[in-house]
N, C-alpha and C. Protein backbone atom coordinates (compact mmCIF):
# COMPACT_ATOMS: atom_id res chain seq x y z
N MET A 1 -5.24 1.14 -105.27
CA MET A 1 -6.57 0.79 -105.77
C MET A 1 -7.59 0.89 -104.64
N ALA A 2 -8.74 1.45 -104.94
CA ALA A 2 -9.78 1.63 -103.93
C ALA A 2 -10.35 0.27 -103.50
N ASP A 3 -10.83 0.23 -102.27
CA ASP A 3 -11.44 -0.99 -101.74
C ASP A 3 -12.82 -1.22 -102.35
N LEU A 4 -13.43 -0.16 -102.85
CA LEU A 4 -14.75 -0.23 -103.49
C LEU A 4 -14.60 0.00 -104.98
N ILE A 5 -15.02 -0.97 -105.78
CA ILE A 5 -14.94 -0.84 -107.24
C ILE A 5 -16.33 -1.02 -107.82
N LEU A 6 -16.76 -0.03 -108.58
CA LEU A 6 -18.07 -0.10 -109.24
C LEU A 6 -17.88 -0.32 -110.73
N TYR A 7 -18.47 -1.38 -111.23
CA TYR A 7 -18.52 -1.62 -112.67
C TYR A 7 -19.82 -1.01 -113.17
N SER A 8 -19.72 -0.14 -114.16
CA SER A 8 -20.89 0.64 -114.54
C SER A 8 -20.82 1.04 -116.00
N ASN A 9 -21.82 1.76 -116.40
CA ASN A 9 -21.88 2.44 -117.69
C ASN A 9 -22.64 3.73 -117.41
N PRO A 10 -22.19 4.87 -117.96
CA PRO A 10 -22.87 6.13 -117.61
C PRO A 10 -24.31 6.23 -118.10
N MET A 11 -24.74 5.27 -118.92
CA MET A 11 -26.14 5.23 -119.37
C MET A 11 -26.78 3.94 -118.86
N SER A 12 -26.76 3.78 -117.55
CA SER A 12 -27.29 2.56 -116.95
C SER A 12 -27.75 2.82 -115.53
N ARG A 13 -28.29 1.78 -114.91
CA ARG A 13 -28.67 1.88 -113.50
C ARG A 13 -27.44 2.03 -112.61
N GLY A 14 -26.27 1.92 -113.20
CA GLY A 14 -25.05 2.18 -112.44
C GLY A 14 -25.01 3.59 -111.88
N ARG A 15 -25.76 4.49 -112.49
CA ARG A 15 -25.82 5.86 -111.96
C ARG A 15 -26.42 5.87 -110.56
N ILE A 16 -27.35 4.95 -110.32
CA ILE A 16 -27.96 4.86 -108.99
C ILE A 16 -26.92 4.41 -107.97
N ALA A 17 -26.15 3.39 -108.35
CA ALA A 17 -25.11 2.89 -107.45
C ALA A 17 -24.05 3.96 -107.18
N ARG A 18 -23.71 4.74 -108.20
CA ARG A 18 -22.71 5.80 -108.00
C ARG A 18 -23.25 6.87 -107.06
N TRP A 19 -24.52 7.21 -107.18
CA TRP A 19 -25.12 8.17 -106.25
C TRP A 19 -24.98 7.64 -104.82
N MET A 20 -25.27 6.36 -104.64
CA MET A 20 -25.18 5.78 -103.30
C MET A 20 -23.75 5.81 -102.78
N LEU A 21 -22.79 5.54 -103.64
CA LEU A 21 -21.39 5.61 -103.23
C LEU A 21 -21.01 7.03 -102.80
N GLU A 22 -21.52 8.00 -103.50
CA GLU A 22 -21.25 9.39 -103.11
C GLU A 22 -21.89 9.72 -101.76
N GLU A 23 -23.07 9.17 -101.52
CA GLU A 23 -23.74 9.40 -100.23
C GLU A 23 -22.94 8.79 -99.08
N VAL A 24 -22.32 7.61 -99.32
CA VAL A 24 -21.57 6.97 -98.25
C VAL A 24 -20.28 7.70 -97.94
N GLY A 25 -19.70 8.32 -98.96
CA GLY A 25 -18.52 9.16 -98.73
C GLY A 25 -17.21 8.41 -98.60
N GLN A 26 -17.15 7.17 -99.07
CA GLN A 26 -15.91 6.39 -99.02
C GLN A 26 -15.21 6.44 -100.38
N PRO A 27 -13.88 6.32 -100.40
CA PRO A 27 -13.17 6.31 -101.69
C PRO A 27 -13.64 5.12 -102.54
N TYR A 28 -13.78 5.35 -103.83
CA TYR A 28 -14.19 4.26 -104.72
C TYR A 28 -13.63 4.51 -106.11
N GLU A 29 -13.65 3.45 -106.89
CA GLU A 29 -13.18 3.51 -108.27
C GLU A 29 -14.32 3.05 -109.18
N VAL A 30 -14.47 3.72 -110.31
CA VAL A 30 -15.47 3.30 -111.29
C VAL A 30 -14.74 2.74 -112.52
N ARG A 31 -15.19 1.58 -112.94
CA ARG A 31 -14.67 0.98 -114.17
C ARG A 31 -15.84 0.87 -115.16
N TYR A 32 -15.79 1.70 -116.18
CA TYR A 32 -16.88 1.71 -117.15
C TYR A 32 -16.72 0.58 -118.15
N LEU A 33 -17.84 -0.04 -118.46
CA LEU A 33 -17.88 -1.09 -119.47
C LEU A 33 -18.85 -0.68 -120.57
N ASP A 34 -18.50 -0.98 -121.81
CA ASP A 34 -19.41 -0.73 -122.93
C ASP A 34 -20.41 -1.87 -123.01
N TYR A 35 -21.60 -1.56 -123.52
CA TYR A 35 -22.58 -2.61 -123.79
C TYR A 35 -22.05 -3.50 -124.90
N GLY A 36 -22.34 -4.79 -124.80
CA GLY A 36 -21.89 -5.72 -125.83
C GLY A 36 -20.73 -6.56 -125.34
N PRO A 37 -19.68 -6.71 -126.16
CA PRO A 37 -18.59 -7.63 -125.85
C PRO A 37 -17.94 -7.42 -124.49
N GLN A 38 -17.75 -6.16 -124.07
CA GLN A 38 -17.08 -5.93 -122.78
C GLN A 38 -17.86 -6.51 -121.62
N MET A 39 -19.18 -6.33 -121.63
CA MET A 39 -20.00 -6.85 -120.54
C MET A 39 -20.16 -8.37 -120.62
N LYS A 40 -19.90 -8.95 -121.79
CA LYS A 40 -20.06 -10.39 -121.96
C LYS A 40 -18.71 -11.12 -121.94
N ALA A 41 -17.63 -10.37 -121.71
CA ALA A 41 -16.31 -10.98 -121.68
C ALA A 41 -16.18 -11.90 -120.47
N PRO A 42 -15.42 -12.98 -120.59
CA PRO A 42 -15.28 -13.93 -119.47
C PRO A 42 -14.82 -13.27 -118.17
N GLU A 43 -13.94 -12.26 -118.28
CA GLU A 43 -13.43 -11.60 -117.07
C GLU A 43 -14.56 -10.93 -116.29
N TYR A 44 -15.49 -10.31 -117.02
CA TYR A 44 -16.59 -9.65 -116.31
C TYR A 44 -17.69 -10.64 -115.92
N LEU A 45 -17.91 -11.65 -116.74
CA LEU A 45 -18.91 -12.65 -116.39
C LEU A 45 -18.54 -13.40 -115.11
N ALA A 46 -17.26 -13.43 -114.81
CA ALA A 46 -16.84 -14.03 -113.55
C ALA A 46 -17.29 -13.19 -112.36
N ILE A 47 -17.49 -11.91 -112.59
CA ILE A 47 -17.99 -11.00 -111.55
C ILE A 47 -19.52 -11.00 -111.54
N ASN A 48 -20.12 -10.82 -112.71
CA ASN A 48 -21.57 -10.84 -112.82
C ASN A 48 -21.97 -11.71 -114.01
N PRO A 49 -22.39 -12.94 -113.75
CA PRO A 49 -22.77 -13.86 -114.83
C PRO A 49 -23.92 -13.35 -115.69
N MET A 50 -24.63 -12.35 -115.21
CA MET A 50 -25.71 -11.76 -116.01
C MET A 50 -25.17 -10.89 -117.14
N GLY A 51 -23.90 -10.52 -117.04
CA GLY A 51 -23.30 -9.70 -118.08
C GLY A 51 -23.92 -8.32 -118.20
N LYS A 52 -24.23 -7.72 -117.05
CA LYS A 52 -24.83 -6.38 -117.03
C LYS A 52 -24.25 -5.60 -115.88
N VAL A 53 -24.51 -4.31 -115.87
CA VAL A 53 -24.08 -3.45 -114.78
C VAL A 53 -25.32 -2.87 -114.10
N PRO A 54 -25.16 -2.43 -112.84
CA PRO A 54 -23.93 -2.29 -112.07
C PRO A 54 -23.54 -3.56 -111.32
N ALA A 55 -22.27 -3.59 -110.96
CA ALA A 55 -21.75 -4.60 -110.04
C ALA A 55 -20.77 -3.90 -109.13
N LEU A 56 -20.84 -4.21 -107.86
CA LEU A 56 -19.95 -3.61 -106.88
C LEU A 56 -19.05 -4.70 -106.30
N VAL A 57 -17.76 -4.42 -106.25
CA VAL A 57 -16.81 -5.32 -105.59
C VAL A 57 -16.24 -4.59 -104.39
N HIS A 58 -16.37 -5.20 -103.23
CA HIS A 58 -15.90 -4.58 -101.99
C HIS A 58 -15.08 -5.60 -101.22
N GLY A 59 -13.77 -5.43 -101.26
CA GLY A 59 -12.90 -6.35 -100.53
C GLY A 59 -13.09 -7.80 -100.95
N GLY A 60 -13.32 -8.03 -102.21
CA GLY A 60 -13.51 -9.39 -102.71
C GLY A 60 -14.94 -9.85 -102.73
N ARG A 61 -15.84 -9.12 -102.07
CA ARG A 61 -17.26 -9.47 -102.08
C ARG A 61 -17.93 -8.79 -103.28
N VAL A 62 -18.83 -9.49 -103.92
CA VAL A 62 -19.52 -8.96 -105.09
C VAL A 62 -21.00 -8.77 -104.78
N VAL A 63 -21.50 -7.60 -105.12
CA VAL A 63 -22.93 -7.31 -104.98
C VAL A 63 -23.43 -6.78 -106.32
N THR A 64 -24.51 -7.36 -106.82
CA THR A 64 -25.13 -6.87 -108.04
C THR A 64 -26.57 -6.46 -107.74
N GLU A 65 -27.21 -5.83 -108.71
CA GLU A 65 -28.58 -5.29 -108.62
C GLU A 65 -28.55 -4.00 -107.79
N TYR A 66 -29.05 -2.93 -108.39
CA TYR A 66 -28.86 -1.61 -107.78
C TYR A 66 -29.46 -1.49 -106.39
N ALA A 67 -30.63 -2.09 -106.16
CA ALA A 67 -31.24 -1.98 -104.83
C ALA A 67 -30.41 -2.73 -103.79
N ALA A 68 -29.87 -3.88 -104.18
CA ALA A 68 -29.01 -4.64 -103.27
C ALA A 68 -27.73 -3.87 -102.96
N ILE A 69 -27.19 -3.20 -103.97
CA ILE A 69 -25.98 -2.39 -103.76
C ILE A 69 -26.27 -1.26 -102.77
N CYS A 70 -27.41 -0.61 -102.94
CA CYS A 70 -27.77 0.47 -102.02
C CYS A 70 -27.93 -0.05 -100.59
N ALA A 71 -28.62 -1.18 -100.43
CA ALA A 71 -28.83 -1.75 -99.10
C ALA A 71 -27.51 -2.20 -98.50
N TYR A 72 -26.65 -2.81 -99.31
CA TYR A 72 -25.36 -3.29 -98.83
C TYR A 72 -24.49 -2.14 -98.33
N LEU A 73 -24.41 -1.08 -99.12
CA LEU A 73 -23.56 0.05 -98.74
C LEU A 73 -24.08 0.74 -97.48
N ALA A 74 -25.39 0.83 -97.34
CA ALA A 74 -25.95 1.43 -96.13
C ALA A 74 -25.56 0.63 -94.89
N ASP A 75 -25.53 -0.71 -95.02
CA ASP A 75 -25.15 -1.56 -93.90
C ASP A 75 -23.64 -1.58 -93.68
N ALA A 76 -22.88 -1.55 -94.78
CA ALA A 76 -21.42 -1.63 -94.67
C ALA A 76 -20.83 -0.37 -94.05
N PHE A 77 -21.53 0.76 -94.25
CA PHE A 77 -21.03 2.04 -93.73
C PHE A 77 -22.13 2.74 -92.93
N PRO A 78 -22.44 2.19 -91.76
CA PRO A 78 -23.56 2.73 -90.96
C PRO A 78 -23.36 4.17 -90.54
N GLU A 79 -22.10 4.63 -90.50
CA GLU A 79 -21.84 6.01 -90.08
C GLU A 79 -22.47 7.03 -91.04
N ALA A 80 -22.81 6.60 -92.26
CA ALA A 80 -23.44 7.50 -93.22
C ALA A 80 -24.91 7.75 -92.87
N GLY A 81 -25.48 6.92 -92.00
CA GLY A 81 -26.86 7.12 -91.55
C GLY A 81 -27.91 6.93 -92.63
N LEU A 82 -27.69 5.98 -93.51
CA LEU A 82 -28.61 5.79 -94.64
C LEU A 82 -29.55 4.60 -94.48
N ALA A 83 -29.51 3.96 -93.30
CA ALA A 83 -30.45 2.88 -93.00
C ALA A 83 -31.03 3.14 -91.62
N PRO A 84 -32.33 3.38 -91.52
CA PRO A 84 -32.93 3.70 -90.22
C PRO A 84 -32.94 2.49 -89.29
N SER A 85 -33.06 2.75 -88.00
CA SER A 85 -33.11 1.64 -87.04
C SER A 85 -34.38 0.82 -87.23
N ASP A 86 -35.50 1.48 -87.50
CA ASP A 86 -36.74 0.78 -87.84
C ASP A 86 -36.74 0.61 -89.36
N ARG A 87 -36.53 -0.59 -89.81
CA ARG A 87 -36.35 -0.81 -91.25
C ARG A 87 -37.58 -1.33 -91.97
N SER A 88 -38.72 -1.28 -91.34
CA SER A 88 -39.93 -1.82 -91.97
C SER A 88 -40.28 -1.06 -93.24
N ALA A 89 -40.51 0.25 -93.13
CA ALA A 89 -40.84 1.05 -94.32
C ALA A 89 -39.64 1.14 -95.25
N TYR A 90 -38.46 1.17 -94.67
CA TYR A 90 -37.22 1.26 -95.46
C TYR A 90 -37.09 0.08 -96.42
N TYR A 91 -37.20 -1.13 -95.89
CA TYR A 91 -37.11 -2.31 -96.76
C TYR A 91 -38.28 -2.36 -97.73
N ARG A 92 -39.44 -2.02 -97.24
CA ARG A 92 -40.63 -2.09 -98.10
C ARG A 92 -40.47 -1.26 -99.36
N TRP A 93 -40.09 0.01 -99.21
CA TRP A 93 -40.05 0.90 -100.36
C TRP A 93 -38.74 0.82 -101.14
N LEU A 94 -37.68 0.34 -100.49
CA LEU A 94 -36.43 0.09 -101.20
C LEU A 94 -36.65 -0.97 -102.27
N PHE A 95 -37.33 -2.04 -101.89
CA PHE A 95 -37.52 -3.14 -102.84
C PHE A 95 -38.80 -2.99 -103.67
N PHE A 96 -39.69 -2.13 -103.24
CA PHE A 96 -40.85 -1.80 -104.08
C PHE A 96 -40.37 -1.18 -105.39
N GLY A 97 -39.35 -0.33 -105.30
CA GLY A 97 -38.84 0.34 -106.49
C GLY A 97 -38.22 -0.62 -107.48
N ALA A 98 -37.47 -1.61 -106.96
CA ALA A 98 -36.79 -2.58 -107.82
C ALA A 98 -37.73 -3.69 -108.26
N GLY A 99 -38.88 -3.81 -107.60
CA GLY A 99 -39.82 -4.87 -107.94
C GLY A 99 -41.05 -4.35 -108.67
N PRO A 100 -42.16 -4.12 -107.96
CA PRO A 100 -43.39 -3.70 -108.63
C PRO A 100 -43.26 -2.44 -109.48
N LEU A 101 -42.59 -1.41 -108.96
CA LEU A 101 -42.51 -0.15 -109.70
C LEU A 101 -41.75 -0.33 -111.02
N GLU A 102 -40.56 -0.92 -110.95
CA GLU A 102 -39.78 -1.08 -112.18
C GLU A 102 -40.50 -1.99 -113.17
N ALA A 103 -41.09 -3.07 -112.70
CA ALA A 103 -41.80 -3.98 -113.60
C ALA A 103 -42.97 -3.26 -114.29
N ALA A 104 -43.71 -2.47 -113.53
CA ALA A 104 -44.85 -1.75 -114.09
C ALA A 104 -44.39 -0.73 -115.13
N LEU A 105 -43.31 -0.01 -114.83
CA LEU A 105 -42.82 1.01 -115.75
C LEU A 105 -42.25 0.40 -117.03
N VAL A 106 -41.57 -0.73 -116.90
CA VAL A 106 -41.01 -1.40 -118.08
C VAL A 106 -42.13 -1.92 -118.97
N MET A 107 -43.13 -2.54 -118.37
CA MET A 107 -44.27 -3.04 -119.15
C MET A 107 -44.95 -1.90 -119.89
N GLN A 108 -45.12 -0.78 -119.19
CA GLN A 108 -45.76 0.38 -119.81
C GLN A 108 -44.91 0.92 -120.96
N ALA A 109 -43.59 1.01 -120.76
CA ALA A 109 -42.70 1.52 -121.80
C ALA A 109 -42.69 0.63 -123.03
N LEU A 110 -42.89 -0.67 -122.83
CA LEU A 110 -42.92 -1.61 -123.94
C LEU A 110 -44.29 -1.68 -124.61
N GLY A 111 -45.24 -0.94 -124.05
CA GLY A 111 -46.58 -0.95 -124.63
C GLY A 111 -47.33 -2.23 -124.35
N LEU A 112 -46.97 -2.92 -123.26
CA LEU A 112 -47.61 -4.19 -122.93
C LEU A 112 -48.60 -3.99 -121.79
N GLU A 113 -49.72 -4.64 -121.89
CA GLU A 113 -50.75 -4.55 -120.84
C GLU A 113 -51.09 -5.95 -120.37
N VAL A 114 -51.10 -6.11 -119.06
CA VAL A 114 -51.42 -7.41 -118.48
C VAL A 114 -52.93 -7.62 -118.60
N PRO A 115 -53.38 -8.74 -119.17
CA PRO A 115 -54.82 -9.01 -119.25
C PRO A 115 -55.46 -8.99 -117.86
N ALA A 116 -56.66 -8.50 -117.78
CA ALA A 116 -57.33 -8.35 -116.49
C ALA A 116 -57.37 -9.65 -115.69
N ASP A 117 -57.53 -10.78 -116.38
CA ASP A 117 -57.63 -12.05 -115.67
C ASP A 117 -56.27 -12.63 -115.29
N ARG A 118 -55.17 -11.92 -115.63
CA ARG A 118 -53.82 -12.39 -115.31
C ARG A 118 -53.08 -11.44 -114.37
N ARG A 119 -53.75 -10.42 -113.88
CA ARG A 119 -53.07 -9.43 -113.05
C ARG A 119 -52.52 -10.00 -111.76
N ALA A 120 -53.15 -11.04 -111.26
CA ALA A 120 -52.67 -11.65 -110.02
C ALA A 120 -51.32 -12.33 -110.21
N MET A 121 -50.93 -12.56 -111.47
CA MET A 121 -49.67 -13.25 -111.75
C MET A 121 -48.46 -12.32 -111.69
N VAL A 122 -48.70 -11.02 -111.81
CA VAL A 122 -47.58 -10.08 -111.80
C VAL A 122 -47.53 -9.36 -110.46
N GLY A 123 -46.35 -8.88 -110.14
CA GLY A 123 -46.15 -8.29 -108.81
C GLY A 123 -46.72 -6.91 -108.62
N PHE A 124 -47.22 -6.29 -109.70
CA PHE A 124 -47.71 -4.92 -109.56
C PHE A 124 -49.20 -4.78 -109.84
N GLY A 125 -49.83 -5.76 -110.41
CA GLY A 125 -51.25 -5.69 -110.70
C GLY A 125 -51.53 -4.79 -111.88
N THR A 126 -51.62 -3.49 -111.61
CA THR A 126 -51.80 -2.49 -112.67
C THR A 126 -50.89 -1.30 -112.38
N ILE A 127 -50.62 -0.51 -113.39
CA ILE A 127 -49.80 0.68 -113.19
C ILE A 127 -50.51 1.65 -112.24
N GLU A 128 -51.83 1.73 -112.31
CA GLU A 128 -52.57 2.63 -111.45
C GLU A 128 -52.45 2.21 -109.98
N THR A 129 -52.53 0.91 -109.72
CA THR A 129 -52.36 0.41 -108.35
C THR A 129 -50.97 0.74 -107.83
N THR A 130 -49.98 0.60 -108.70
CA THR A 130 -48.59 0.89 -108.32
C THR A 130 -48.41 2.37 -107.99
N TYR A 131 -48.93 3.23 -108.85
CA TYR A 131 -48.86 4.67 -108.59
C TYR A 131 -49.54 5.03 -107.27
N ALA A 132 -50.70 4.45 -107.04
CA ALA A 132 -51.48 4.78 -105.84
C ALA A 132 -50.72 4.38 -104.58
N ALA A 133 -50.06 3.22 -104.61
CA ALA A 133 -49.29 2.77 -103.45
C ALA A 133 -48.12 3.72 -103.18
N LEU A 134 -47.43 4.09 -104.23
CA LEU A 134 -46.29 4.99 -104.08
C LEU A 134 -46.74 6.37 -103.62
N GLU A 135 -47.84 6.83 -104.17
CA GLU A 135 -48.36 8.15 -103.79
C GLU A 135 -48.76 8.17 -102.32
N SER A 136 -49.32 7.07 -101.84
CA SER A 136 -49.72 7.03 -100.43
C SER A 136 -48.51 7.15 -99.51
N ALA A 137 -47.41 6.51 -99.88
CA ALA A 137 -46.20 6.58 -99.05
C ALA A 137 -45.63 7.99 -99.04
N LEU A 138 -45.60 8.63 -100.20
CA LEU A 138 -44.98 9.95 -100.30
C LEU A 138 -45.90 11.06 -99.80
N SER A 139 -47.15 10.74 -99.59
CA SER A 139 -48.08 11.72 -99.01
C SER A 139 -48.02 11.68 -97.48
N ALA A 140 -47.52 10.58 -96.94
CA ALA A 140 -47.52 10.40 -95.49
C ALA A 140 -46.27 10.94 -94.82
N ALA A 141 -45.18 11.05 -95.57
CA ALA A 141 -43.91 11.49 -94.98
C ALA A 141 -43.05 12.12 -96.07
N PRO A 142 -42.06 12.93 -95.69
CA PRO A 142 -41.23 13.57 -96.70
C PRO A 142 -40.32 12.60 -97.46
N TYR A 143 -39.98 11.48 -96.82
CA TYR A 143 -39.11 10.49 -97.45
C TYR A 143 -39.76 9.11 -97.36
N LEU A 144 -39.26 8.19 -98.14
CA LEU A 144 -39.91 6.88 -98.23
C LEU A 144 -39.89 6.11 -96.92
N ALA A 145 -38.82 6.27 -96.14
CA ALA A 145 -38.74 5.55 -94.87
C ALA A 145 -39.19 6.40 -93.69
N GLY A 146 -39.73 7.57 -93.96
CA GLY A 146 -40.21 8.42 -92.87
C GLY A 146 -39.68 9.84 -92.94
N GLU A 147 -39.15 10.32 -91.85
CA GLU A 147 -38.73 11.72 -91.74
C GLU A 147 -37.31 11.98 -92.21
N ARG A 148 -36.54 10.91 -92.44
CA ARG A 148 -35.13 11.09 -92.83
C ARG A 148 -34.84 10.41 -94.16
N PHE A 149 -33.96 11.04 -94.91
CA PHE A 149 -33.48 10.47 -96.17
C PHE A 149 -32.74 9.16 -95.90
N SER A 150 -32.93 8.17 -96.80
CA SER A 150 -32.26 6.88 -96.62
C SER A 150 -31.90 6.29 -97.98
N ALA A 151 -31.28 5.12 -97.94
CA ALA A 151 -30.92 4.42 -99.18
C ALA A 151 -32.16 4.09 -100.01
N ALA A 152 -33.32 3.99 -99.38
CA ALA A 152 -34.56 3.75 -100.14
C ALA A 152 -34.83 4.92 -101.08
N ASP A 153 -34.46 6.12 -100.67
CA ASP A 153 -34.67 7.30 -101.52
C ASP A 153 -33.67 7.34 -102.67
N VAL A 154 -32.50 6.74 -102.47
CA VAL A 154 -31.55 6.64 -103.58
C VAL A 154 -32.08 5.66 -104.61
N ALA A 155 -32.45 4.47 -104.18
CA ALA A 155 -32.86 3.41 -105.11
C ALA A 155 -34.20 3.71 -105.76
N THR A 156 -35.23 3.89 -104.96
CA THR A 156 -36.56 4.10 -105.51
C THR A 156 -36.75 5.55 -105.96
N GLY A 157 -36.11 6.47 -105.27
CA GLY A 157 -36.17 7.86 -105.70
C GLY A 157 -35.60 8.06 -107.08
N SER A 158 -34.55 7.30 -107.41
CA SER A 158 -33.99 7.38 -108.76
C SER A 158 -35.00 6.95 -109.81
N GLN A 159 -35.76 5.91 -109.50
CA GLN A 159 -36.78 5.45 -110.45
C GLN A 159 -37.80 6.55 -110.71
N ILE A 160 -38.18 7.25 -109.65
CA ILE A 160 -39.13 8.36 -109.80
C ILE A 160 -38.51 9.49 -110.60
N GLY A 161 -37.28 9.85 -110.25
CA GLY A 161 -36.61 10.95 -110.95
C GLY A 161 -36.40 10.69 -112.42
N TYR A 162 -35.88 9.50 -112.74
CA TYR A 162 -35.68 9.15 -114.15
C TYR A 162 -37.01 9.07 -114.88
N GLY A 163 -38.02 8.55 -114.20
CA GLY A 163 -39.34 8.45 -114.82
C GLY A 163 -39.91 9.82 -115.17
N LEU A 164 -39.73 10.78 -114.26
CA LEU A 164 -40.20 12.14 -114.54
C LEU A 164 -39.38 12.79 -115.64
N GLN A 165 -38.07 12.54 -115.63
CA GLN A 165 -37.19 13.14 -116.62
C GLN A 165 -37.48 12.63 -118.03
N PHE A 166 -37.73 11.35 -118.15
CA PHE A 166 -37.91 10.75 -119.47
C PHE A 166 -39.38 10.50 -119.83
N GLY A 167 -40.28 10.96 -118.98
CA GLY A 167 -41.70 10.84 -119.30
C GLY A 167 -42.25 9.44 -119.20
N THR A 168 -41.62 8.58 -118.39
CA THR A 168 -42.12 7.21 -118.26
C THR A 168 -42.93 6.99 -116.98
N ILE A 169 -43.05 8.06 -116.18
CA ILE A 169 -43.87 7.97 -114.99
C ILE A 169 -44.84 9.14 -115.00
N GLU A 170 -46.04 8.91 -114.52
CA GLU A 170 -47.05 9.97 -114.53
C GLU A 170 -46.61 11.11 -113.62
N PRO A 171 -46.57 12.34 -114.13
CA PRO A 171 -46.05 13.47 -113.33
C PRO A 171 -47.06 13.97 -112.29
N ARG A 172 -47.36 13.14 -111.33
CA ARG A 172 -48.28 13.56 -110.27
C ARG A 172 -47.59 14.57 -109.36
N PRO A 173 -48.33 15.53 -108.82
CA PRO A 173 -47.73 16.56 -107.97
C PRO A 173 -46.91 16.00 -106.81
N VAL A 174 -47.38 14.91 -106.20
CA VAL A 174 -46.66 14.36 -105.05
C VAL A 174 -45.32 13.77 -105.50
N PHE A 175 -45.26 13.20 -106.70
CA PHE A 175 -44.00 12.67 -107.21
C PHE A 175 -43.03 13.81 -107.51
N GLU A 176 -43.54 14.85 -108.12
CA GLU A 176 -42.68 15.98 -108.47
C GLU A 176 -42.16 16.70 -107.22
N ALA A 177 -43.03 16.85 -106.22
CA ALA A 177 -42.60 17.51 -104.99
C ALA A 177 -41.53 16.69 -104.28
N TYR A 178 -41.71 15.39 -104.27
CA TYR A 178 -40.72 14.50 -103.65
C TYR A 178 -39.38 14.59 -104.37
N TRP A 179 -39.40 14.51 -105.70
CA TRP A 179 -38.15 14.56 -106.45
C TRP A 179 -37.45 15.90 -106.27
N ASN A 180 -38.22 16.96 -106.17
CA ASN A 180 -37.62 18.28 -105.95
C ASN A 180 -36.93 18.36 -104.59
N ARG A 181 -37.38 17.56 -103.62
CA ARG A 181 -36.75 17.55 -102.29
C ARG A 181 -35.38 16.89 -102.31
N ILE A 182 -35.17 15.96 -103.23
CA ILE A 182 -33.93 15.18 -103.16
C ILE A 182 -33.00 15.39 -104.35
N ARG A 183 -33.47 16.04 -105.39
CA ARG A 183 -32.68 16.11 -106.63
C ARG A 183 -31.43 16.96 -106.52
N GLU A 184 -31.37 17.87 -105.55
CA GLU A 184 -30.21 18.74 -105.41
C GLU A 184 -29.25 18.28 -104.32
N ARG A 185 -29.42 17.05 -103.85
CA ARG A 185 -28.48 16.56 -102.84
C ARG A 185 -27.06 16.58 -103.43
N PRO A 186 -26.08 17.10 -102.68
CA PRO A 186 -24.72 17.21 -103.21
C PRO A 186 -24.17 15.90 -103.77
N ALA A 187 -24.48 14.79 -103.11
CA ALA A 187 -23.98 13.50 -103.59
C ALA A 187 -24.53 13.17 -104.96
N LEU A 188 -25.80 13.45 -105.19
CA LEU A 188 -26.40 13.19 -106.49
C LEU A 188 -25.83 14.12 -107.56
N VAL A 189 -25.65 15.38 -107.20
CA VAL A 189 -25.06 16.34 -108.15
C VAL A 189 -23.67 15.89 -108.57
N ARG A 190 -22.86 15.45 -107.61
CA ARG A 190 -21.51 14.99 -107.93
C ARG A 190 -21.54 13.74 -108.80
N ALA A 191 -22.39 12.79 -108.43
CA ALA A 191 -22.47 11.54 -109.20
C ALA A 191 -22.92 11.80 -110.63
N ASN A 192 -23.94 12.63 -110.78
CA ASN A 192 -24.44 12.94 -112.13
C ASN A 192 -23.39 13.66 -112.96
N ALA A 193 -22.66 14.59 -112.34
CA ALA A 193 -21.64 15.33 -113.07
C ALA A 193 -20.55 14.39 -113.57
N ALA A 194 -20.14 13.44 -112.75
CA ALA A 194 -19.09 12.51 -113.14
C ALA A 194 -19.55 11.59 -114.27
N ASP A 195 -20.77 11.07 -114.15
CA ASP A 195 -21.27 10.16 -115.20
C ASP A 195 -21.55 10.92 -116.49
N THR A 196 -22.05 12.14 -116.39
CA THR A 196 -22.30 12.94 -117.59
C THR A 196 -21.00 13.27 -118.30
N ALA A 197 -19.95 13.57 -117.53
CA ALA A 197 -18.64 13.84 -118.13
C ALA A 197 -18.12 12.61 -118.85
N ALA A 198 -18.35 11.43 -118.26
CA ALA A 198 -17.91 10.19 -118.91
C ALA A 198 -18.67 9.95 -120.19
N MET A 199 -19.94 10.29 -120.21
CA MET A 199 -20.73 10.15 -121.46
C MET A 199 -20.19 11.04 -122.54
N ARG A 200 -19.83 12.28 -122.19
CA ARG A 200 -19.32 13.23 -123.18
C ARG A 200 -17.98 12.78 -123.73
N GLU A 201 -17.16 12.17 -122.87
CA GLU A 201 -15.87 11.67 -123.33
C GLU A 201 -16.05 10.57 -124.37
N LYS A 202 -17.07 9.75 -124.20
CA LYS A 202 -17.33 8.67 -125.15
C LYS A 202 -17.80 9.23 -126.49
N GLU A 203 -18.44 10.40 -126.45
CA GLU A 203 -18.97 10.99 -127.68
C GLU A 203 -17.89 11.67 -128.51
N VAL A 204 -16.78 12.01 -127.87
CA VAL A 204 -15.69 12.72 -128.58
C VAL A 204 -14.99 11.79 -129.56
């Protein structure tokens, strides 16, 4: 049995965690769970009381939330070079994706708009403010943490890629250019191929 076990579903944010596992290059096992009873079963709730995926188990340690999984793996396997020595921009944009960006995109997808007098209560303010912040980062450097690809590009880059793919993020040229820089990474291609194959197996 592999020392790294990922609990996932091929139609979930677990795809982000699997991409990160491929980037680290360590042996791992994926255990797919169906939505519903399997994720709410006592055995899995003991791993993640939220009853959702992804969850990573590494030598008895449990990490949940895709951004935390990406950050954890980058630290656990420093030889992969996915966490820069200067982590200011790295941490900023790694958690920007899981915080303001995701919240803004979910609100938009649900057709909900924060009243102007309540914008200070939410972490993103407006979708336009969120886009502008992200665009400024991607206009200043090729990657979110600077000149080199990092775990921030796995976590937040996935949000951009999925948003462009499913039409939930505004297709600004800077977003498209950035996604085109990272979408053909071998680790992502391998991860996507494996999860897509698992989806097809479920359809049979």
